[in-house]
Every structure is written in C-alpha cells, then in structure tokens.
Amino acid sequence: MKDLAQIAERLKRRAQIAQQDAYFSPDREGPFGFARASASEFDAAMRLKRSLLTEFKGAQLEEIYQTQFEQNEFGTFLRITHQEPIALTTFDPGFAQEVIESELKLLYGVGPTLEHALNARGINKLSDLAQHPRWGQEVQHILDWMQARDLKQLENQLARWLPRSHPTAIRLAHFIEPTSLVFFDLESMGLFGRPIILLGVACPCGQAIEVHQFFARNITEELPALVHTFEQLRLAKAIVSYNGRAFDVNYIKDRLNYYGMPCQFEPVHFDLLAHARRRFREFLPDVRLETVEREILRKERSIDLPSVLVPDFYNTYLEEQNIGPLIPILEHNKQDLLSLSLLFAKLCEP
C-alpha cells in the first residue's frame, strides 16, 4: 500500500504550482455559495489530471486504500474505508432540554413581543405554561416528545416556528449519541438526472471517525451502491449534510425513482449550510464548505477538485482504465465528510 501522506504531499505541491494564478472571485459564487471552476482552475485541473495519469499508470485502488467488494441483490460495488482520529464529544441531553424549554416561541401565537412579556412575568420555560388553558396541551406534547426522544416531532415543531438556521434547531443534536449520527455527501456526474458515482458516509466510532465510500466503478454499479447507502441513512437517528436538504437527499430519491424504486425518506436532518450562512456570512467571502473549513476550522486541503470537474475526471478514469483521476475525487469526498464532522461539533457547542 503506497504512503498516502507522500502522495498527498506530491499532489499538494503540484496543485500549488498549477494554481498559482487561481483565486476566488465573488462573481463566480452561486446562490448557495458554490462556485464554478474558473479558467485557471480548469487549466490547473487538466495539468493535475495528466500528472495523475502518469503517476498511477498500472496501479490499483487496493494498493492505496483499504477496499472491499460489497454485493447485494442489485449487484456489486466497491467500499473504500478510512479511519481518522477525530473524537466527537458526548452530547448533553440536559442542555438540549433546557434550550428547547426556554424557547416560548415554539407555542402558537407567541412571538418575540409576547415572549418578552411572559418573561417579565417570570414565565421563562415551557413547563411554566403546562397548566395554561391556551397553551397547556401544546406544552405537554413538546415535553412528551423530549421525554420520549421523538426527534422527528421535535424537529417539525422547531421548523414550524423557527428558521431552519436558528441556533435552537441544531441544539436538538444534543439528544443524540454521536455514534447514531451519519454524515453524508455524494459525488455525481452532474446535476439532477445524472448518475451518482460515489456516496460517502462517516460515522463516529469511539475516538475516531470512520469514513465509508461506496464507489461505482462503472455506471452499472450505481444502483447497488445507492440501495446500500439508502439503508445506512434510513437506519441513522439523524443525518448531517451540507446543502443535503435541497440537494443530496433529493438526488438519492430521484435516482431511486429512476430505477423504479420510489422511497419515502424524511430523516431528522441537520443541514449545516443554513447554520454556516447564519453564523459566518458577515465575515466570510462565501459559505462554501472549503471556505468555512479554511477560515473557521483552520484546515487546509492537501489537494482538492472543483465538483464541477468530477464528471470529467471520472470519464477519464473509465476511458483510460487508470485510477489516477479518481484520487482527487475520493480525497475531496473524504475531506468533505471530515470537515462536516468538525463543523457540526463546533456549531453544537453550548
């Protein structure tokens, strides 16, 4: 197995040389903070691809990564596994309950003005209104959901009265053991309607994060990888994504529908894009995950590939039967998942 650290360092040096004239331009930012590749980034990526084709000619993925073939009734796909020493702190259900109980705006008809008036009368918690003729029944529902850890009902109640980006919404995560979370990201051949080639999930496990990438070595392996990933997501207590509410989850549903397998899937979902935009937009040029990763988490990627160029690199892999162009796709997806876990922990801090 080749030394990944050495490979990453070589790729980083090449990228730095190739991208010396590349820069972020605000006019390239999309509505969600995601930019297209600039001309300089495109040229740099093409030079990188040629270099990778030479570097990895004749190599196999199992020489570089821990791989395993997986099979289900729909076919075979490749699992690539990584483990990184990132520990998510055990969350505090008591803190979550305290925060939610203090949010009187979760009750019908209570806005900021009325909440302030109630606070002035010493009513600071939902339980203070448990016997109230107007709100008592609604309060009891919320208290029962917290007691039963009915996270979906709580998520719906929060979304009904508060923005998705409200800090209280992510405090709900404190009811969940980290090992029950699944971080999720995918790479596709384009926008909706195009095949998915890589589905990545990351799961906290003790003092580490385990990353599992379900890779379609060709398009016929998309369905088995999709079905396997969907089952992983369905069994999770909650999923964590970056723009996954608008994109990733709907994309999976769309692809399963394409194969005649419609699915109902409404998970407890922490989409960190909304929270990042609320917290950081005032002092960041954009809220792309790579920008938040660099400026807030203080992490630098050794190598990265703009998502818009993933189809080109994957097609070259198929045409040349050379794994070189896959390396930046796999590393990009893995780093997205690791950064998601770090950002999630930061946003959940009391």
Protein backbone atom coordinates (compact mmCIF):
# COMPACT_ATOMS: atom_id res chain seq x y z
CA MET A 1 0.00 0.00 0.00
CA LYS A 2 1.51 3.32 -1.03
CA ASP A 3 2.15 6.02 1.57
CA LEU A 4 -0.89 8.31 1.36
CA ALA A 5 0.90 11.13 3.15
CA GLN A 6 3.61 11.16 0.48
CA ILE A 7 1.01 11.02 -2.29
CA ALA A 8 -0.93 13.91 -0.72
CA GLU A 9 2.23 15.99 -0.38
CA ARG A 10 3.16 15.43 -4.04
CA LEU A 11 -0.36 16.34 -5.14
CA LYS A 12 -0.31 19.44 -2.96
CA ARG A 13 2.98 20.65 -4.47
CA ARG A 14 1.67 20.10 -7.99
CA ALA A 15 -1.60 21.87 -7.23
CA GLN A 16 0.21 24.84 -5.71
CA ILE A 17 2.36 25.22 -8.79
CA ALA A 18 -0.54 24.74 -11.17
CA GLN A 19 -2.96 27.01 -9.30
CA GLN A 20 -0.66 29.91 -8.54
CA ASP A 21 -2.86 32.27 -10.55
CA ALA A 22 -6.19 30.89 -9.32
CA TYR A 23 -8.27 32.96 -6.90
CA PHE A 24 -11.80 33.26 -5.56
CA SER A 25 -13.95 35.69 -7.48
CA PRO A 26 -17.28 36.73 -5.89
CA ASP A 27 -18.95 36.94 -9.28
CA ARG A 28 -18.48 33.18 -9.64
CA GLU A 29 -20.43 32.40 -6.48
CA GLY A 30 -23.70 30.54 -6.96
CA PRO A 31 -26.90 31.00 -4.95
CA PHE A 32 -25.74 28.52 -2.30
CA GLY A 33 -22.15 29.69 -2.18
CA PHE A 34 -20.86 27.09 -4.63
CA ALA A 35 -18.69 28.38 -7.45
CA ARG A 36 -17.95 27.05 -10.88
CA ALA A 37 -14.34 26.40 -11.83
CA SER A 38 -12.54 29.43 -13.21
CA ALA A 39 -10.43 29.16 -16.36
CA SER A 40 -7.27 28.97 -14.26
CA GLU A 41 -8.74 26.26 -12.03
CA PHE A 42 -9.78 24.30 -15.10
CA ASP A 43 -6.31 24.53 -16.63
CA ALA A 44 -4.74 23.56 -13.31
CA ALA A 45 -7.06 20.57 -13.00
CA MET A 46 -6.20 19.37 -16.50
CA ARG A 47 -2.48 19.55 -15.73
CA LEU A 48 -3.09 17.70 -12.48
CA LYS A 49 -5.06 15.02 -14.31
CA ARG A 50 -2.26 14.43 -16.80
CA SER A 51 0.20 14.15 -13.94
CA LEU A 52 -2.01 11.67 -12.09
CA LEU A 53 -2.42 9.52 -15.19
CA THR A 54 1.36 9.19 -15.34
CA GLU A 55 1.78 8.72 -11.58
CA PHE A 56 -0.79 5.93 -11.23
CA LYS A 57 -0.49 4.13 -14.55
CA GLY A 58 -0.95 0.42 -13.85
CA ALA A 59 -1.81 0.98 -10.16
CA GLN A 60 -4.86 -0.44 -8.38
CA LEU A 61 -7.04 1.23 -5.74
CA GLU A 62 -6.32 -1.56 -3.24
CA GLU A 63 -2.64 -0.56 -3.32
CA ILE A 64 -3.57 2.85 -1.91
CA TYR A 65 -6.75 2.38 0.12
CA GLN A 66 -8.44 -0.23 2.27
CA THR A 67 -11.00 -1.67 -0.14
CA GLN A 68 -13.64 -4.37 -0.07
CA PHE A 69 -16.14 -5.59 -2.65
CA GLU A 70 -19.76 -5.42 -1.46
CA GLN A 71 -22.69 -7.21 -3.02
CA ASN A 72 -26.46 -7.10 -2.69
CA GLU A 73 -29.36 -8.32 -4.80
CA PHE A 74 -28.79 -5.48 -7.27
CA GLY A 75 -25.11 -6.08 -7.94
CA THR A 76 -21.59 -5.30 -6.77
CA PHE A 77 -19.81 -2.10 -5.79
CA LEU A 78 -16.59 -1.13 -4.03
CA ARG A 79 -16.35 0.02 -0.42
CA ILE A 80 -13.34 2.20 0.47
CA THR A 81 -12.73 2.67 4.19
CA HIS A 82 -10.75 5.30 6.08
CA GLN A 83 -10.38 6.00 9.79
CA GLU A 84 -9.37 9.39 11.12
CA PRO A 85 -8.56 10.31 14.76
CA ILE A 86 -11.43 12.76 15.31
CA ALA A 87 -13.47 12.35 18.50
CA LEU A 88 -16.92 13.91 18.82
CA THR A 89 -17.67 14.80 22.44
CA THR A 90 -20.63 13.05 24.02
CA PHE A 91 -23.56 15.42 23.77
CA ASP A 92 -25.66 16.69 26.68
CA PRO A 93 -29.42 15.91 26.59
CA GLY A 94 -29.96 18.11 29.64
CA PHE A 95 -28.59 21.08 27.75
CA ALA A 96 -30.86 20.37 24.76
CA GLN A 97 -33.90 20.14 27.02
CA GLU A 98 -33.00 23.38 28.78
CA VAL A 99 -32.58 25.25 25.49
CA ILE A 100 -35.82 23.95 23.96
CA GLU A 101 -37.81 24.56 27.16
CA SER A 102 -36.67 28.18 27.18
CA GLU A 103 -37.98 28.77 23.64
CA LEU A 104 -41.52 30.03 24.27
CA LYS A 105 -41.85 30.95 20.58
CA LEU A 106 -42.49 27.25 19.90
CA LEU A 107 -46.08 27.87 21.01
CA TYR A 108 -48.82 29.04 18.67
CA GLY A 109 -49.23 32.81 18.79
CA VAL A 110 -46.09 33.56 20.82
CA GLY A 111 -43.75 35.96 19.05
CA PRO A 112 -40.84 37.99 20.40
CA THR A 113 -43.06 40.66 21.97
CA LEU A 114 -45.32 38.23 23.82
CA GLU A 115 -42.34 36.10 24.83
CA HIS A 116 -40.72 39.18 26.38
CA ALA A 117 -43.95 39.98 28.25
CA LEU A 118 -44.18 36.40 29.56
CA ASN A 119 -40.55 36.53 30.68
CA ALA A 120 -41.29 39.76 32.56
CA ARG A 121 -43.98 37.86 34.49
CA GLY A 122 -41.49 35.15 35.47
CA ILE A 123 -42.59 32.66 32.81
CA ASN A 124 -39.30 31.51 31.29
CA LYS A 125 -39.87 27.84 30.48
CA LEU A 126 -42.45 25.86 28.56
CA SER A 127 -43.19 23.86 31.70
CA ASP A 128 -44.29 27.09 33.40
CA LEU A 129 -47.25 27.03 30.99
CA ALA A 130 -48.12 23.34 31.39
CA GLN A 131 -51.46 24.20 33.08
CA HIS A 132 -52.25 27.20 30.89
CA PRO A 133 -55.74 26.91 29.30
CA ARG A 134 -54.48 28.07 25.89
CA TRP A 135 -51.03 26.51 25.63
CA GLY A 136 -51.05 23.68 28.17
CA GLN A 137 -51.84 20.89 25.72
CA GLU A 138 -49.21 22.05 23.21
CA VAL A 139 -46.64 22.35 26.00
CA GLN A 140 -47.39 18.81 27.14
CA HIS A 141 -46.86 17.48 23.61
CA ILE A 142 -43.41 19.10 23.44
CA LEU A 143 -42.44 17.84 26.91
CA ASP A 144 -43.61 14.33 26.00
CA TRP A 145 -41.60 14.38 22.76
CA MET A 146 -38.48 15.38 24.68
CA GLN A 147 -39.07 12.66 27.25
CA ALA A 148 -39.57 10.05 24.51
CA ARG A 149 -36.70 11.46 22.39
CA ASP A 150 -39.12 11.78 19.48
CA LEU A 151 -36.68 13.81 17.43
CA LYS A 152 -38.77 13.98 14.28
CA GLN A 153 -41.72 15.56 16.10
CA LEU A 154 -39.37 18.00 17.81
CA GLU A 155 -37.69 18.85 14.51
CA ASN A 156 -41.08 19.52 12.91
CA GLN A 157 -42.17 21.72 15.82
CA LEU A 158 -38.96 23.73 15.64
CA ALA A 159 -39.24 24.10 11.86
CA ARG A 160 -42.85 25.27 12.18
CA TRP A 161 -41.99 28.31 14.29
CA LEU A 162 -38.27 28.95 13.85
CA PRO A 163 -35.97 29.25 10.82
CA ARG A 164 -34.02 26.11 9.93
CA SER A 165 -30.88 28.10 10.73
CA HIS A 166 -31.99 29.05 14.26
CA PRO A 167 -29.38 28.01 16.88
CA THR A 168 -32.05 26.08 18.82
CA ALA A 169 -32.56 23.81 15.80
CA ILE A 170 -29.06 22.38 15.98
CA ARG A 171 -29.21 22.08 19.79
CA LEU A 172 -31.59 19.21 19.11
CA ALA A 173 -28.47 17.20 18.29
CA HIS A 174 -27.62 17.04 21.99
CA PHE A 175 -30.36 14.41 22.36
CA ILE A 176 -28.42 12.08 20.04
CA GLU A 177 -25.41 9.93 20.84
CA PRO A 178 -22.68 10.74 18.28
CA THR A 179 -22.47 7.05 17.27
CA SER A 180 -26.07 7.31 16.00
CA LEU A 181 -25.22 10.11 13.55
CA VAL A 182 -24.36 9.65 9.89
CA PHE A 183 -22.53 12.38 7.95
CA PHE A 184 -23.33 12.21 4.26
CA ASP A 185 -22.03 13.55 0.94
CA LEU A 186 -22.19 12.38 -2.67
CA GLU A 187 -20.41 12.96 -5.97
CA SER A 188 -22.33 12.77 -9.23
CA MET A 189 -21.91 13.12 -12.96
CA GLY A 190 -23.73 16.44 -12.97
CA LEU A 191 -26.98 17.96 -11.75
CA PHE A 192 -30.26 16.10 -11.19
CA GLY A 193 -30.86 13.19 -13.51
CA ARG A 194 -27.22 12.20 -13.90
CA PRO A 195 -25.75 9.08 -12.23
CA ILE A 196 -24.18 9.14 -8.78
CA ILE A 197 -20.69 7.66 -8.79
CA LEU A 198 -19.66 8.00 -5.14
CA LEU A 199 -21.66 8.01 -1.92
CA GLY A 200 -19.77 8.80 1.26
CA VAL A 201 -20.91 8.30 4.84
CA ALA A 202 -18.96 8.97 8.02
CA CYS A 203 -19.82 7.57 11.44
CA PRO A 204 -18.30 8.48 14.82
CA CYS A 205 -16.75 5.43 16.44
CA GLY A 206 -15.01 5.89 19.78
CA GLN A 207 -12.10 8.27 19.37
CA ALA A 208 -12.27 8.22 15.57
CA ILE A 209 -14.43 8.93 12.55
CA GLU A 210 -14.92 6.02 10.15
CA VAL A 211 -15.44 7.06 6.55
CA HIS A 212 -17.04 4.59 4.16
CA GLN A 213 -17.14 5.45 0.47
CA PHE A 214 -19.40 3.38 -1.75
CA PHE A 215 -17.94 3.68 -5.22
CA ALA A 216 -19.46 2.74 -8.58
CA ARG A 217 -16.54 1.52 -10.72
CA ASN A 218 -18.89 1.89 -13.67
CA ILE A 219 -22.44 3.15 -14.07
CA THR A 220 -23.96 -0.33 -13.67
CA GLU A 221 -22.78 -0.29 -10.05
CA GLU A 222 -24.74 2.86 -9.19
CA LEU A 223 -27.93 1.04 -8.12
CA PRO A 224 -26.35 -1.42 -5.65
CA ALA A 225 -24.32 1.41 -4.12
CA LEU A 226 -27.44 3.58 -3.92
CA VAL A 227 -29.53 0.91 -2.22
CA HIS A 228 -26.80 0.15 0.30
CA THR A 229 -26.32 3.83 1.15
CA PHE A 230 -30.04 4.46 1.45
CA GLU A 231 -30.29 1.66 4.01
CA GLN A 232 -27.43 3.22 6.01
CA LEU A 233 -29.18 6.58 6.02
CA ARG A 234 -32.59 5.12 6.83
CA LEU A 235 -31.25 3.41 9.96
CA ALA A 236 -29.50 6.52 11.30
CA LYS A 237 -31.05 8.54 14.14
CA ALA A 238 -30.11 11.66 12.18
CA ILE A 239 -28.08 12.62 9.14
CA VAL A 240 -25.74 15.59 8.76
CA SER A 241 -25.02 17.22 5.41
CA TYR A 242 -24.00 20.44 3.69
CA ASN A 243 -26.87 21.55 1.45
CA GLY A 244 -28.19 18.00 1.64
CA ARG A 245 -31.77 19.05 2.38
CA ALA A 246 -32.04 20.77 -1.01
CA PHE A 247 -29.64 18.58 -2.98
CA ASP A 248 -28.21 15.27 -1.74
CA VAL A 249 -31.32 13.65 -0.22
CA ASN A 250 -33.50 14.67 -3.16
CA TYR A 251 -30.84 13.44 -5.56
CA ILE A 252 -30.86 9.97 -3.97
CA LYS A 253 -34.66 9.88 -4.14
CA ASP A 254 -34.52 10.96 -7.78
CA ARG A 255 -32.05 8.23 -8.71
CA LEU A 256 -34.01 5.53 -6.86
CA ASN A 257 -37.15 6.68 -8.66
CA TYR A 258 -35.26 6.39 -11.94
CA TYR A 259 -34.67 2.71 -11.15
CA GLY A 260 -38.34 2.19 -10.26
CA MET A 261 -37.74 2.19 -6.53
CA PRO A 262 -39.67 5.17 -5.10
CA CYS A 263 -38.88 5.80 -1.45
CA GLN A 264 -40.29 7.81 1.42
CA PHE A 265 -37.45 9.29 3.40
CA GLU A 266 -37.84 12.21 5.79
CA PRO A 267 -34.95 11.84 8.23
CA VAL A 268 -34.02 14.05 11.15
CA HIS A 269 -31.62 16.18 9.17
CA PHE A 270 -29.04 18.73 10.26
CA ASP A 271 -28.14 20.68 7.12
CA LEU A 272 -25.13 22.73 8.15
CA LEU A 273 -25.24 25.11 5.18
CA ALA A 274 -28.08 27.13 6.73
CA HIS A 275 -26.29 27.32 10.08
CA ALA A 276 -22.96 28.25 8.49
CA ARG A 277 -24.61 31.01 6.48
CA ARG A 278 -26.27 32.44 9.60
CA ARG A 279 -23.12 32.26 11.71
CA PHE A 280 -20.37 33.19 9.27
CA ARG A 281 -21.71 35.10 6.25
CA GLU A 282 -20.87 38.50 7.73
CA PHE A 283 -17.13 37.89 7.70
CA LEU A 284 -16.52 35.24 5.00
CA PRO A 285 -16.42 35.87 1.23
CA ASP A 286 -18.75 32.88 0.73
CA VAL A 287 -20.00 29.88 2.70
CA ARG A 288 -18.65 27.09 0.54
CA LEU A 289 -17.57 24.21 2.75
CA GLU A 290 -13.97 24.67 1.62
CA THR A 291 -14.04 28.32 2.71
CA VAL A 292 -15.60 27.55 6.10
CA GLU A 293 -13.10 24.73 6.52
CA ARG A 294 -10.16 27.03 5.87
CA GLU A 295 -11.29 30.16 7.71
CA ILE A 296 -13.27 28.72 10.63
CA LEU A 297 -11.84 25.23 11.17
CA ARG A 298 -8.31 26.29 10.15
CA LYS A 299 -7.90 23.24 7.92
CA GLU A 300 -6.12 23.25 4.57
CA ARG A 301 -6.77 20.62 1.93
CA SER A 302 -3.69 18.92 0.54
CA ILE A 303 -5.48 18.61 -2.80
CA ASP A 304 -8.96 19.44 -4.00
CA LEU A 305 -11.03 19.17 -7.14
CA PRO A 306 -13.92 21.51 -8.00
CA SER A 307 -17.11 19.44 -8.01
CA VAL A 308 -17.96 20.64 -11.50
CA LEU A 309 -14.91 18.75 -12.81
CA VAL A 310 -15.77 15.42 -11.16
CA PRO A 311 -17.56 14.09 -14.30
CA ASP A 312 -14.55 14.89 -16.49
CA PHE A 313 -12.13 13.11 -14.14
CA TYR A 314 -14.43 10.09 -13.77
CA ASN A 315 -14.90 9.80 -17.54
CA THR A 316 -11.13 9.88 -17.99
CA TYR A 317 -10.82 7.08 -15.43
CA LEU A 318 -13.30 4.99 -17.46
CA GLU A 319 -11.70 5.77 -20.82
CA GLU A 320 -8.10 5.23 -19.72
CA GLN A 321 -8.76 2.48 -17.14
CA ASN A 322 -6.38 4.44 -14.91
CA ILE A 323 -7.18 5.18 -11.25
CA GLY A 324 -5.19 8.43 -11.20
CA PRO A 325 -8.16 10.77 -11.81
CA LEU A 326 -10.12 9.01 -9.04
CA ILE A 327 -7.68 10.05 -6.31
CA PRO A 328 -8.79 13.71 -6.05
CA ILE A 329 -12.47 12.67 -6.28
CA LEU A 330 -12.10 10.27 -3.35
CA GLU A 331 -9.99 12.69 -1.32
CA HIS A 332 -12.42 15.56 -1.96
CA ASN A 333 -15.36 13.48 -0.74
CA LYS A 334 -13.48 12.19 2.31
CA GLN A 335 -12.38 15.68 3.34
CA ASP A 336 -15.93 17.00 2.94
CA LEU A 337 -17.12 14.36 5.41
CA LEU A 338 -14.36 15.01 7.93
CA SER A 339 -14.95 18.75 7.75
CA LEU A 340 -18.68 18.17 8.22
CA SER A 341 -17.99 16.33 11.48
CA LEU A 342 -15.70 19.10 12.78
CA LEU A 343 -18.10 21.87 11.77
CA PHE A 344 -21.03 20.02 13.33
CA ALA A 345 -19.17 19.73 16.64
CA LYS A 346 -18.35 23.45 16.54
CA LEU A 347 -21.91 24.53 15.75
CA CYS A 348 -23.28 22.31 18.53
CA GLU A 349 -21.06 23.83 21.21
CA PRO A 350 -23.08 25.29 24.13
